[in-house]
Amino acid sequence: MSILRRVAGRLRDEQGSTLLEYAIVLPVLLAFLFGIMDFCRFLYTYHFVSEVAREGTRYAMVRGSTFGSTACTTPAIFACNATAANVQSYVQGLTPPGIASGSLAVTTTWPGTAPTGATTACPSGNNGKNPGCLVQVLVSYPFKFMLPFLPSSASTWTMSSTSVVVISQ
C-alpha cells in the first residue's frame, strides 16, 4: 500500500506542470504565427509596389506624344498624352485594400534617352515622349510592421520599384 501512496504523491506533485508548459509555449507560438502573417503582408505589399510600377510605365508607354493631341485631365480619358500627375493618379487608383494610397509615392520621368541603336531623337524632360524614347516610373511605399516587439528603427521599411520601358505611340 505504501507504493501506491508514493506513486499517487508523485502524480499530485506534477499536476500544474502542463499549465506551466502551456503558458511558456503559447506566447512563443503566437509570436511566430503573427510574425509569419506580418511577413506575408510585407511580401503582398512588395508584389503590389513592383506590379504598379510596371502598370504605370505601361500607362505612360501607350500615351506618348503621338497618341493624342491634348494632355489627360483624368486617367480615364483615353485619347490624350500622359503626364506625371496622370500616371500618379492612375497608379494610386490601382491600390488594393490594406495599402494606403496616399502613402504611395509615384515619380514619372522621361529621361531623354533612347535605347541603344535607336534613331529617335529624345529630348529630356516632358518633351521626350516620342515613340522610341524611354519612360521611367519609380513607385515607393513605407511599410510598417505590426509586430509590437520590433524596435522602432526596424518596424518601418521603404520599399520601391522602378520600371523603364520604351514609348510605343
N, C-alpha and C. Protein backbone atom coordinates (compact mmCIF):
# COMPACT_ATOMS: atom_id res chain seq x y z
N MET A 1 0.81 -1.19 0.00
CA MET A 1 0.00 0.00 0.00
C MET A 1 0.87 1.26 0.00
N SER A 2 2.01 1.21 0.56
CA SER A 2 2.88 2.38 0.61
C SER A 2 3.42 2.74 -0.77
N ILE A 3 3.55 1.76 -1.65
CA ILE A 3 4.00 2.03 -3.02
C ILE A 3 2.93 2.84 -3.76
N LEU A 4 1.68 2.48 -3.58
CA LEU A 4 0.59 3.23 -4.21
C LEU A 4 0.53 4.66 -3.71
N ARG A 5 0.81 4.86 -2.44
CA ARG A 5 0.78 6.21 -1.89
C ARG A 5 1.93 7.05 -2.45
N ARG A 6 3.08 6.44 -2.64
CA ARG A 6 4.21 7.17 -3.22
C ARG A 6 3.93 7.57 -4.67
N VAL A 7 3.36 6.66 -5.45
CA VAL A 7 3.02 6.96 -6.84
C VAL A 7 1.95 8.05 -6.89
N ALA A 8 0.95 7.96 -6.07
CA ALA A 8 -0.10 8.97 -6.03
C ALA A 8 0.46 10.31 -5.60
N GLY A 9 1.39 10.33 -4.68
CA GLY A 9 2.03 11.57 -4.22
C GLY A 9 2.82 12.22 -5.34
N ARG A 10 3.51 11.41 -6.12
CA ARG A 10 4.27 11.95 -7.25
C ARG A 10 3.34 12.53 -8.32
N LEU A 11 2.22 11.89 -8.56
CA LEU A 11 1.27 12.39 -9.54
C LEU A 11 0.69 13.73 -9.11
N ARG A 12 0.42 13.86 -7.82
CA ARG A 12 -0.12 15.12 -7.32
C ARG A 12 0.90 16.25 -7.43
N ASP A 13 2.17 15.97 -7.33
CA ASP A 13 3.20 16.99 -7.41
C ASP A 13 3.34 17.54 -8.83
N GLU A 14 2.94 16.81 -9.86
CA GLU A 14 3.11 17.23 -11.25
C GLU A 14 1.82 17.77 -11.86
N GLN A 15 0.79 18.02 -11.09
CA GLN A 15 -0.49 18.43 -11.65
C GLN A 15 -0.44 19.77 -12.38
N GLY A 16 0.31 20.73 -11.97
CA GLY A 16 0.34 22.06 -12.61
C GLY A 16 1.39 22.20 -13.69
N SER A 17 2.15 21.17 -13.98
CA SER A 17 3.26 21.31 -14.92
C SER A 17 2.78 21.54 -16.36
N THR A 18 1.69 20.93 -16.77
CA THR A 18 1.23 21.14 -18.15
C THR A 18 0.74 22.57 -18.34
N LEU A 19 0.12 23.15 -17.33
CA LEU A 19 -0.32 24.53 -17.42
C LEU A 19 0.88 25.47 -17.53
N LEU A 20 1.92 25.19 -16.80
CA LEU A 20 3.13 26.00 -16.85
C LEU A 20 3.80 25.88 -18.23
N GLU A 21 3.89 24.67 -18.76
CA GLU A 21 4.48 24.47 -20.09
C GLU A 21 3.65 25.19 -21.15
N TYR A 22 2.34 25.14 -21.04
CA TYR A 22 1.45 25.80 -21.98
C TYR A 22 1.65 27.32 -21.91
N ALA A 23 1.80 27.85 -20.71
CA ALA A 23 1.99 29.29 -20.53
C ALA A 23 3.34 29.75 -21.11
N ILE A 24 4.32 28.89 -21.14
CA ILE A 24 5.63 29.24 -21.71
C ILE A 24 5.60 29.13 -23.23
N VAL A 25 4.97 28.12 -23.77
CA VAL A 25 5.00 27.85 -25.21
C VAL A 25 4.02 28.74 -25.98
N LEU A 26 2.88 29.07 -25.41
CA LEU A 26 1.86 29.83 -26.13
C LEU A 26 2.35 31.19 -26.63
N PRO A 27 3.00 32.04 -25.84
CA PRO A 27 3.47 33.33 -26.37
C PRO A 27 4.50 33.16 -27.50
N VAL A 28 5.35 32.17 -27.39
CA VAL A 28 6.33 31.93 -28.45
C VAL A 28 5.62 31.49 -29.73
N LEU A 29 4.65 30.61 -29.60
CA LEU A 29 3.90 30.14 -30.76
C LEU A 29 3.11 31.28 -31.41
N LEU A 30 2.46 32.11 -30.61
CA LEU A 30 1.70 33.23 -31.17
C LEU A 30 2.61 34.27 -31.83
N ALA A 31 3.77 34.55 -31.23
CA ALA A 31 4.72 35.49 -31.85
C ALA A 31 5.20 34.95 -33.19
N PHE A 32 5.47 33.68 -33.26
CA PHE A 32 5.89 33.06 -34.52
C PHE A 32 4.78 33.12 -35.56
N LEU A 33 3.56 32.83 -35.15
CA LEU A 33 2.42 32.85 -36.06
C LEU A 33 2.14 34.26 -36.60
N PHE A 34 2.12 35.26 -35.71
CA PHE A 34 1.90 36.63 -36.16
C PHE A 34 3.08 37.16 -36.97
N GLY A 35 4.27 36.70 -36.68
CA GLY A 35 5.45 37.07 -37.48
C GLY A 35 5.31 36.56 -38.91
N ILE A 36 4.83 35.35 -39.07
CA ILE A 36 4.61 34.80 -40.42
C ILE A 36 3.54 35.61 -41.15
N MET A 37 2.47 35.95 -40.47
CA MET A 37 1.41 36.73 -41.11
C MET A 37 1.90 38.13 -41.50
N ASP A 38 2.71 38.77 -40.65
CA ASP A 38 3.23 40.09 -40.96
C ASP A 38 4.21 40.03 -42.13
N PHE A 39 5.02 38.99 -42.19
CA PHE A 39 5.94 38.83 -43.31
C PHE A 39 5.17 38.59 -44.60
N CYS A 40 4.05 37.89 -44.55
CA CYS A 40 3.20 37.70 -45.72
C CYS A 40 2.61 39.02 -46.18
N ARG A 41 2.24 39.88 -45.24
CA ARG A 41 1.78 41.24 -45.59
C ARG A 41 2.88 42.01 -46.30
N PHE A 42 4.12 41.85 -45.82
CA PHE A 42 5.27 42.51 -46.43
C PHE A 42 5.44 42.06 -47.89
N LEU A 43 5.38 40.75 -48.12
CA LEU A 43 5.52 40.23 -49.48
C LEU A 43 4.37 40.68 -50.38
N TYR A 44 3.17 40.72 -49.84
CA TYR A 44 2.00 41.20 -50.57
C TYR A 44 2.21 42.65 -51.02
N THR A 45 2.70 43.49 -50.12
CA THR A 45 2.93 44.89 -50.43
C THR A 45 4.07 45.05 -51.42
N TYR A 46 5.13 44.27 -51.26
CA TYR A 46 6.26 44.34 -52.19
C TYR A 46 5.82 43.95 -53.60
N HIS A 47 5.01 42.91 -53.70
CA HIS A 47 4.49 42.49 -55.00
C HIS A 47 3.63 43.60 -55.61
N PHE A 48 2.79 44.23 -54.80
CA PHE A 48 1.94 45.31 -55.29
C PHE A 48 2.78 46.47 -55.81
N VAL A 49 3.81 46.88 -55.07
CA VAL A 49 4.64 48.02 -55.47
C VAL A 49 5.33 47.72 -56.80
N SER A 50 5.85 46.54 -56.97
CA SER A 50 6.52 46.21 -58.23
C SER A 50 5.52 46.11 -59.38
N GLU A 51 4.33 45.62 -59.11
CA GLU A 51 3.32 45.50 -60.17
C GLU A 51 2.81 46.86 -60.62
N VAL A 52 2.54 47.78 -59.69
CA VAL A 52 2.01 49.08 -60.11
C VAL A 52 3.09 49.93 -60.79
N ALA A 53 4.36 49.68 -60.51
CA ALA A 53 5.41 50.36 -61.26
C ALA A 53 5.36 49.94 -62.72
N ARG A 54 5.16 48.65 -62.96
CA ARG A 54 5.03 48.17 -64.34
C ARG A 54 3.75 48.70 -64.99
N GLU A 55 2.66 48.72 -64.24
CA GLU A 55 1.40 49.24 -64.78
C GLU A 55 1.50 50.73 -65.09
N GLY A 56 2.20 51.48 -64.26
CA GLY A 56 2.38 52.91 -64.50
C GLY A 56 3.20 53.18 -65.76
N THR A 57 4.25 52.40 -65.98
CA THR A 57 5.03 52.59 -67.21
C THR A 57 4.22 52.17 -68.43
N ARG A 58 3.40 51.16 -68.28
CA ARG A 58 2.56 50.76 -69.41
C ARG A 58 1.56 51.86 -69.74
N TYR A 59 0.98 52.48 -68.72
CA TYR A 59 0.04 53.58 -68.93
C TYR A 59 0.72 54.73 -69.68
N ALA A 60 1.95 55.08 -69.26
CA ALA A 60 2.69 56.17 -69.92
C ALA A 60 3.22 55.74 -71.29
N MET A 61 3.54 54.47 -71.45
CA MET A 61 4.10 53.97 -72.70
C MET A 61 3.11 54.10 -73.85
N VAL A 62 1.86 53.80 -73.62
CA VAL A 62 0.88 53.85 -74.70
C VAL A 62 0.29 55.23 -74.89
N ARG A 63 0.66 56.20 -74.06
CA ARG A 63 0.16 57.57 -74.18
C ARG A 63 1.33 58.54 -74.43
N GLY A 64 2.11 58.26 -75.46
CA GLY A 64 3.24 59.12 -75.82
C GLY A 64 2.78 60.33 -76.61
N SER A 65 3.74 61.00 -77.26
CA SER A 65 3.44 62.26 -77.95
C SER A 65 2.55 62.08 -79.17
N THR A 66 2.52 60.92 -79.80
CA THR A 66 1.70 60.73 -80.99
C THR A 66 0.36 60.06 -80.68
N PHE A 67 0.10 59.78 -79.41
CA PHE A 67 -1.14 59.07 -79.06
C PHE A 67 -2.35 59.99 -79.12
N GLY A 68 -2.25 61.15 -78.55
CA GLY A 68 -3.38 62.09 -78.52
C GLY A 68 -2.87 63.50 -78.69
N SER A 69 -3.78 64.40 -78.83
CA SER A 69 -3.37 65.79 -79.08
C SER A 69 -3.36 66.65 -77.82
N THR A 70 -3.96 66.19 -76.75
CA THR A 70 -4.07 67.00 -75.55
C THR A 70 -3.53 66.24 -74.35
N ALA A 71 -3.34 66.97 -73.27
CA ALA A 71 -2.94 66.34 -72.01
C ALA A 71 -4.18 65.75 -71.34
N CYS A 72 -4.01 64.65 -70.64
CA CYS A 72 -5.13 63.99 -69.97
C CYS A 72 -5.60 64.82 -68.79
N THR A 73 -6.91 65.00 -68.65
CA THR A 73 -7.44 65.68 -67.48
C THR A 73 -7.75 64.69 -66.37
N THR A 74 -8.05 63.45 -66.73
CA THR A 74 -8.23 62.37 -65.76
C THR A 74 -7.63 61.10 -66.35
N PRO A 75 -7.28 60.13 -65.52
CA PRO A 75 -6.71 58.89 -66.05
C PRO A 75 -7.69 58.09 -66.90
N ALA A 76 -8.99 58.38 -66.79
CA ALA A 76 -9.98 57.61 -67.54
C ALA A 76 -10.10 58.06 -68.99
N ILE A 77 -9.57 59.23 -69.33
CA ILE A 77 -9.62 59.70 -70.72
C ILE A 77 -8.55 58.96 -71.50
N PHE A 78 -8.92 58.44 -72.67
CA PHE A 78 -8.00 57.57 -73.37
C PHE A 78 -7.28 58.23 -74.53
N ALA A 79 -7.79 59.28 -75.15
CA ALA A 79 -7.16 59.88 -76.31
C ALA A 79 -6.36 61.11 -75.91
N CYS A 80 -5.34 60.93 -75.09
CA CYS A 80 -4.54 62.06 -74.64
C CYS A 80 -3.14 61.61 -74.26
N ASN A 81 -2.24 62.58 -74.14
CA ASN A 81 -0.86 62.30 -73.73
C ASN A 81 -0.79 62.18 -72.21
N ALA A 82 0.05 61.29 -71.74
CA ALA A 82 0.20 61.10 -70.29
C ALA A 82 1.10 62.17 -69.69
N THR A 83 0.77 62.58 -68.47
CA THR A 83 1.63 63.46 -67.69
C THR A 83 2.00 62.73 -66.41
N ALA A 84 2.97 63.28 -65.68
CA ALA A 84 3.39 62.65 -64.42
C ALA A 84 2.23 62.60 -63.43
N ALA A 85 1.40 63.63 -63.41
CA ALA A 85 0.26 63.64 -62.48
C ALA A 85 -0.76 62.58 -62.86
N ASN A 86 -0.97 62.35 -64.16
CA ASN A 86 -1.90 61.31 -64.59
C ASN A 86 -1.41 59.93 -64.22
N VAL A 87 -0.11 59.69 -64.39
CA VAL A 87 0.44 58.39 -64.04
C VAL A 87 0.30 58.15 -62.54
N GLN A 88 0.58 59.18 -61.74
CA GLN A 88 0.43 59.06 -60.29
C GLN A 88 -1.02 58.77 -59.91
N SER A 89 -1.95 59.48 -60.51
CA SER A 89 -3.37 59.27 -60.22
C SER A 89 -3.80 57.86 -60.64
N TYR A 90 -3.32 57.42 -61.79
CA TYR A 90 -3.67 56.08 -62.27
C TYR A 90 -3.13 55.00 -61.33
N VAL A 91 -1.87 55.13 -60.92
CA VAL A 91 -1.26 54.14 -60.03
C VAL A 91 -1.95 54.12 -58.68
N GLN A 92 -2.26 55.29 -58.13
CA GLN A 92 -2.94 55.33 -56.84
C GLN A 92 -4.35 54.78 -56.94
N GLY A 93 -4.95 54.82 -58.11
CA GLY A 93 -6.27 54.23 -58.31
C GLY A 93 -6.25 52.71 -58.32
N LEU A 94 -5.09 52.13 -58.51
CA LEU A 94 -4.96 50.66 -58.51
C LEU A 94 -4.75 50.07 -57.12
N THR A 95 -4.71 50.90 -56.10
CA THR A 95 -4.36 50.45 -54.75
C THR A 95 -5.43 49.52 -54.18
N PRO A 96 -5.02 48.32 -53.73
CA PRO A 96 -5.98 47.37 -53.15
C PRO A 96 -6.22 47.67 -51.67
N PRO A 97 -7.17 46.98 -51.05
CA PRO A 97 -7.39 47.16 -49.61
C PRO A 97 -6.15 46.77 -48.81
N GLY A 98 -5.92 47.48 -47.74
CA GLY A 98 -4.78 47.18 -46.88
C GLY A 98 -3.56 48.02 -47.17
N ILE A 99 -3.58 48.79 -48.25
CA ILE A 99 -2.46 49.66 -48.61
C ILE A 99 -3.01 51.07 -48.74
N ALA A 100 -2.37 52.02 -48.06
CA ALA A 100 -2.83 53.40 -48.07
C ALA A 100 -2.37 54.08 -49.36
N SER A 101 -3.31 54.46 -50.21
CA SER A 101 -2.94 55.06 -51.50
C SER A 101 -2.27 56.42 -51.32
N GLY A 102 -2.58 57.13 -50.25
CA GLY A 102 -1.95 58.42 -50.00
C GLY A 102 -0.48 58.32 -49.66
N SER A 103 -0.04 57.17 -49.18
CA SER A 103 1.38 56.97 -48.84
C SER A 103 2.20 56.49 -50.02
N LEU A 104 1.55 56.22 -51.13
CA LEU A 104 2.22 55.71 -52.32
C LEU A 104 2.85 56.88 -53.08
N ALA A 105 4.17 56.89 -53.21
CA ALA A 105 4.87 57.96 -53.93
C ALA A 105 5.20 57.47 -55.33
N VAL A 106 4.75 58.21 -56.34
CA VAL A 106 4.96 57.84 -57.74
C VAL A 106 5.72 58.97 -58.43
N THR A 107 6.87 58.65 -59.02
CA THR A 107 7.67 59.62 -59.75
C THR A 107 7.83 59.14 -61.18
N THR A 108 7.35 59.93 -62.13
CA THR A 108 7.44 59.57 -63.54
C THR A 108 8.40 60.54 -64.23
N THR A 109 9.36 59.99 -64.96
CA THR A 109 10.30 60.81 -65.70
C THR A 109 10.46 60.28 -67.11
N TRP A 110 10.81 61.19 -67.99
CA TRP A 110 11.17 60.84 -69.36
C TRP A 110 12.64 61.22 -69.47
N PRO A 111 13.55 60.25 -69.32
CA PRO A 111 14.98 60.56 -69.17
C PRO A 111 15.63 61.21 -70.38
N GLY A 112 14.99 61.21 -71.53
CA GLY A 112 15.58 61.86 -72.69
C GLY A 112 16.61 61.01 -73.40
N THR A 113 16.57 59.72 -73.17
CA THR A 113 17.49 58.82 -73.86
C THR A 113 16.69 57.77 -74.61
N ALA A 114 17.30 57.27 -75.63
CA ALA A 114 16.70 56.20 -76.41
C ALA A 114 17.50 54.93 -76.16
N PRO A 115 16.89 53.77 -76.35
CA PRO A 115 17.65 52.53 -76.22
C PRO A 115 18.80 52.49 -77.21
N THR A 116 19.78 51.68 -76.93
CA THR A 116 20.95 51.56 -77.79
C THR A 116 20.54 51.17 -79.20
N GLY A 117 21.06 51.90 -80.18
CA GLY A 117 20.77 51.59 -81.58
C GLY A 117 19.53 52.27 -82.13
N ALA A 118 18.81 53.05 -81.31
CA ALA A 118 17.60 53.72 -81.79
C ALA A 118 17.97 54.98 -82.56
N THR A 119 17.14 55.33 -83.54
CA THR A 119 17.38 56.53 -84.34
C THR A 119 16.46 57.68 -83.93
N THR A 120 15.70 57.52 -82.88
CA THR A 120 14.74 58.52 -82.43
C THR A 120 15.44 59.62 -81.63
N ALA A 121 15.04 60.87 -81.87
CA ALA A 121 15.55 61.98 -81.07
C ALA A 121 14.73 62.05 -79.80
N CYS A 122 15.40 62.08 -78.67
CA CYS A 122 14.70 62.06 -77.38
C CYS A 122 15.16 63.24 -76.53
N PRO A 123 14.44 64.37 -76.59
CA PRO A 123 14.80 65.47 -75.69
C PRO A 123 14.48 65.11 -74.25
N SER A 124 15.21 65.72 -73.31
CA SER A 124 14.96 65.40 -71.91
C SER A 124 13.74 66.15 -71.40
N GLY A 125 13.21 65.69 -70.28
CA GLY A 125 12.04 66.32 -69.67
C GLY A 125 10.75 65.79 -70.27
N ASN A 126 9.67 66.54 -70.08
CA ASN A 126 8.36 66.10 -70.55
C ASN A 126 8.23 66.11 -72.07
N ASN A 127 9.18 66.72 -72.78
CA ASN A 127 9.12 66.72 -74.23
C ASN A 127 9.67 65.43 -74.82
N GLY A 128 10.26 64.58 -74.03
CA GLY A 128 10.85 63.33 -74.52
C GLY A 128 9.84 62.20 -74.57
N LYS A 129 8.63 62.48 -74.98
CA LYS A 129 7.58 61.47 -75.02
C LYS A 129 7.40 60.89 -76.42
N ASN A 130 8.44 60.99 -77.23
CA ASN A 130 8.37 60.47 -78.59
C ASN A 130 8.42 58.95 -78.59
N PRO A 131 7.77 58.32 -79.57
CA PRO A 131 7.89 56.86 -79.69
C PRO A 131 9.36 56.48 -79.88
N GLY A 132 9.78 55.47 -79.17
CA GLY A 132 11.16 55.04 -79.21
C GLY A 132 11.99 55.57 -78.06
N CYS A 133 11.48 56.56 -77.33
CA CYS A 133 12.17 57.10 -76.15
C CYS A 133 11.76 56.31 -74.91
N LEU A 134 12.42 56.58 -73.82
CA LEU A 134 12.15 55.84 -72.59
C LEU A 134 11.25 56.63 -71.64
N VAL A 135 10.46 55.89 -70.87
CA VAL A 135 9.70 56.45 -69.76
C VAL A 135 10.04 55.60 -68.53
N GLN A 136 10.23 56.27 -67.40
CA GLN A 136 10.61 55.59 -66.16
C GLN A 136 9.63 55.96 -65.06
N VAL A 137 9.15 54.96 -64.34
CA VAL A 137 8.23 55.18 -63.22
C VAL A 137 8.85 54.55 -61.97
N LEU A 138 8.99 55.35 -60.93
CA LEU A 138 9.51 54.89 -59.63
C LEU A 138 8.36 54.96 -58.64
N VAL A 139 8.05 53.84 -58.01
CA VAL A 139 6.98 53.77 -57.00
C VAL A 139 7.63 53.37 -55.68
N SER A 140 7.33 54.11 -54.62
CA SER A 140 7.84 53.75 -53.29
C SER A 140 6.71 53.82 -52.28
N TYR A 141 6.85 52.99 -51.24
CA TYR A 141 5.80 52.89 -50.22
C TYR A 141 6.44 52.56 -48.88
N PRO A 142 6.12 53.31 -47.81
CA PRO A 142 6.66 52.98 -46.48
C PRO A 142 5.82 51.88 -45.83
N PHE A 143 6.43 50.74 -45.60
CA PHE A 143 5.72 49.61 -45.00
C PHE A 143 6.03 49.57 -43.51
N LYS A 144 5.00 49.43 -42.69
CA LYS A 144 5.17 49.36 -41.23
C LYS A 144 4.75 47.98 -40.75
N PHE A 145 5.69 47.30 -40.10
CA PHE A 145 5.37 46.02 -39.49
C PHE A 145 4.47 46.25 -38.29
N MET A 146 3.58 45.30 -38.02
CA MET A 146 2.63 45.44 -36.92
C MET A 146 3.11 44.75 -35.64
N LEU A 147 4.20 44.04 -35.69
CA LEU A 147 4.68 43.33 -34.50
C LEU A 147 5.16 44.33 -33.45
N PRO A 148 4.65 44.25 -32.25
CA PRO A 148 5.00 45.25 -31.23
C PRO A 148 6.39 45.08 -30.63
N PHE A 149 6.99 43.92 -30.76
CA PHE A 149 8.28 43.71 -30.10
C PHE A 149 9.47 44.07 -30.99
N LEU A 150 9.23 44.58 -32.20
CA LEU A 150 10.32 45.05 -33.05
C LEU A 150 10.75 46.44 -32.60
N PRO A 151 12.03 46.75 -32.69
CA PRO A 151 12.45 48.12 -32.37
C PRO A 151 11.88 49.11 -33.39
N SER A 152 11.69 50.35 -32.99
CA SER A 152 11.05 51.32 -33.88
C SER A 152 11.87 51.57 -35.14
N SER A 153 13.19 51.44 -35.07
CA SER A 153 14.02 51.65 -36.26
C SER A 153 13.83 50.53 -37.28
N ALA A 154 13.44 49.35 -36.84
CA ALA A 154 13.28 48.21 -37.76
C ALA A 154 11.83 47.98 -38.14
N SER A 155 10.90 48.74 -37.60
CA SER A 155 9.49 48.45 -37.86
C SER A 155 8.97 49.09 -39.13
N THR A 156 9.68 50.08 -39.71
CA THR A 156 9.24 50.71 -40.95
C THR A 156 10.31 50.57 -42.02
N TRP A 157 9.91 50.03 -43.15
CA TRP A 157 10.81 49.86 -44.30
C TRP A 157 10.20 50.57 -45.49
N THR A 158 11.02 51.24 -46.27
CA THR A 158 10.55 51.85 -47.51
C THR A 158 10.91 50.92 -48.65
N MET A 159 9.88 50.42 -49.31
CA MET A 159 10.13 49.55 -50.46
C MET A 159 9.85 50.35 -51.73
N SER A 160 10.65 50.10 -52.76
CA SER A 160 10.47 50.83 -54.01
C SER A 160 10.76 49.92 -55.19
N SER A 161 10.20 50.30 -56.32
CA SER A 161 10.40 49.56 -57.56
C SER A 161 10.42 50.55 -58.70
N THR A 162 11.31 50.31 -59.65
CA THR A 162 11.45 51.16 -60.82
C THR A 162 11.20 50.33 -62.06
N SER A 163 10.47 50.90 -63.00
CA SER A 163 10.22 50.24 -64.27
C SER A 163 10.53 51.23 -65.39
N VAL A 164 11.24 50.76 -66.40
CA VAL A 164 11.60 51.59 -67.55
C VAL A 164 11.19 50.83 -68.81
N VAL A 165 10.44 51.51 -69.69
CA VAL A 165 10.03 50.92 -70.96
C VAL A 165 10.19 51.92 -72.08
N VAL A 166 10.11 51.43 -73.30
CA VAL A 166 10.19 52.26 -74.48
C VAL A 166 8.78 52.70 -74.88
N ILE A 167 8.59 53.99 -75.15
CA ILE A 167 7.29 54.52 -75.53
C ILE A 167 6.92 53.98 -76.91
N SER A 168 5.70 53.48 -77.02
CA SER A 168 5.31 52.85 -78.27
C SER A 168 4.50 53.76 -79.19
N GLN A 169 3.82 54.77 -78.67
CA GLN A 169 2.97 55.62 -79.52
C GLN A 169 3.25 57.08 -79.25
